[in-house]
């Protein structure tokens, strides 16, 4: 047995590498992060990133640096990433999209670095330099075809179809049920549906089976207190900030309600005159009112976030609103087979399929794929910057909607063209995206035949080898439009009652560092900023952050009760 004064390291040394998903490496000095100077692929994979990929592919584990490879795994100490744990976590995230936790432990003055590796998402492989890796004994091998097929064939069970133990008919909200009946009757043109007994409706919509209700019933029509008791993570949090860069919010509200009530309540909260103002687009003698945040798009995005979120992750759906943008974050990455590049071309498989089926039958969401098309189309029709999924990873989806009217010329063109064409021959979402890229001078993102087709239709023209939309491209920085948006933001901010915290340069730097690594220590912050730990402690108090958990394995959380103005 290993001799050590550190009980945690002693417990680690007793683990079996294959059964307990742990890998020990002495890594005394100069252990490679991503292959080092080696040339041979089989040698390059023996590095930190290679072992992290292999551990994640076997559903997660721990990479321990600074303990001997062989049993009893005596502590030998490692200098890998010493004083740079925060940077290491950020680098791993940038390389693999994994949130790996770095923990330092000491035994008799010798340092051990433990990297806690999360599991890969269901149905997805991780690769190092293009190769999916697996551990075989002391070596790293390319994953076998059989193992790859097994992983790629994985499917997530429909959470919403599972029976919700303890959920009774008396736990359902009568108002939500009434709304569900009305929505279904309107969508299906079946007025008599409103008069059906509730049990019959629940059976018809497959929310009740053999006398037992499922989670879809709870999420759609369950009472607030019952949702809180049986599914506490089914919660939508809305935060408003006068400036999107601020960490403290100016207003916050939680909505733990059945969807047939909750989605309306969330929209009402987001759609207040001060937080969702109207902008005006003149087209000839007509003036169009354009909301900062389009109602159809926001409702679709909220319901998509709920339907596609992972219920295995205990986080809330979070909506962050500011005068500039609306950001919606839901736990769990994209559904299987979907990524940022194909989101408009593949049909998604929602994690809560039964829930989505009811939402479609009642008209709350579009059929698979059409809702995303509508959100992209609306953003272009309203002259906005295109929707963005930047910030999405394996464990969360981040959707950003821009508020400002950036491209009035493009908006006028596509709106007038849609009116000319009529409902039977509208511009497709791909036509709109092509026009968007032409307007921004991004024709390198388009195929030649797309440009020529749009030219034949009179929507784009070529001037001296430069493509433009009909009527000319919008300036990338339209001073008139910037002035309108700035004055709008100023008027909004003047009316928000809560005082804004004005951060100095050091505090802004702290915000950036904490955003990149919520586990960065006060000591690491003081070193990076060149100030004392006491100064860091005061700044964190001002910013409203407290340290939660163990001194070496905790993290920062915002706590407004701790904040000082």
Foldseek 3Di string as FASTA:
>chain_A
DEDWPDPVVQVVLPDDCPVQVEFEDQQADDFAAQQPPDDDPQNSLRGNLNSLQQSQAVFWHKYKYQFHRDPSGYGRAHPPCVLNQLVSQLVSCVVWVWRWFWFWDDTPRGIMIMITHGHFFQLDHTDRVPFGWHDDPNGIDGDDPVSNVVRNPGAFAQQQLAFQPPDAPVQFAPVLLLLLQVLLCVLVVNVCSSVDDSVVVCVVLNQADPRTGGNLRCQATGAQVVCCVRQVQAKEKEFEDLDPLAPDGLDIDMFSGRPSPRLVVVCVVCPDCLQWPWDWFDDPPDIDTDILDDPLLVLQVVVLLSQAADSVDSHHFYWYGYLWKIKTKGWFFFARPDDPVCLQPDFGDTSNNSNVSSCCSSVSYDPTNVSVQVNQVSCQLQQHDGWDQPPTGRTMTMIMGTRANQWSPSNNLQVVQQVVVDPVDHDGSVLSVCLVCLLVQNCVVDDPVSLVVCVVVVQWDADPNRIAGVPGHGDNCDPVRVVVSVVSSVVSVVPSPDDDDDDDPLLSVVSVSCVSPQQDALVSSCVVSVHDSVVSVVSCLQSQWDWDDDRRRTGIDHDPVSHDD
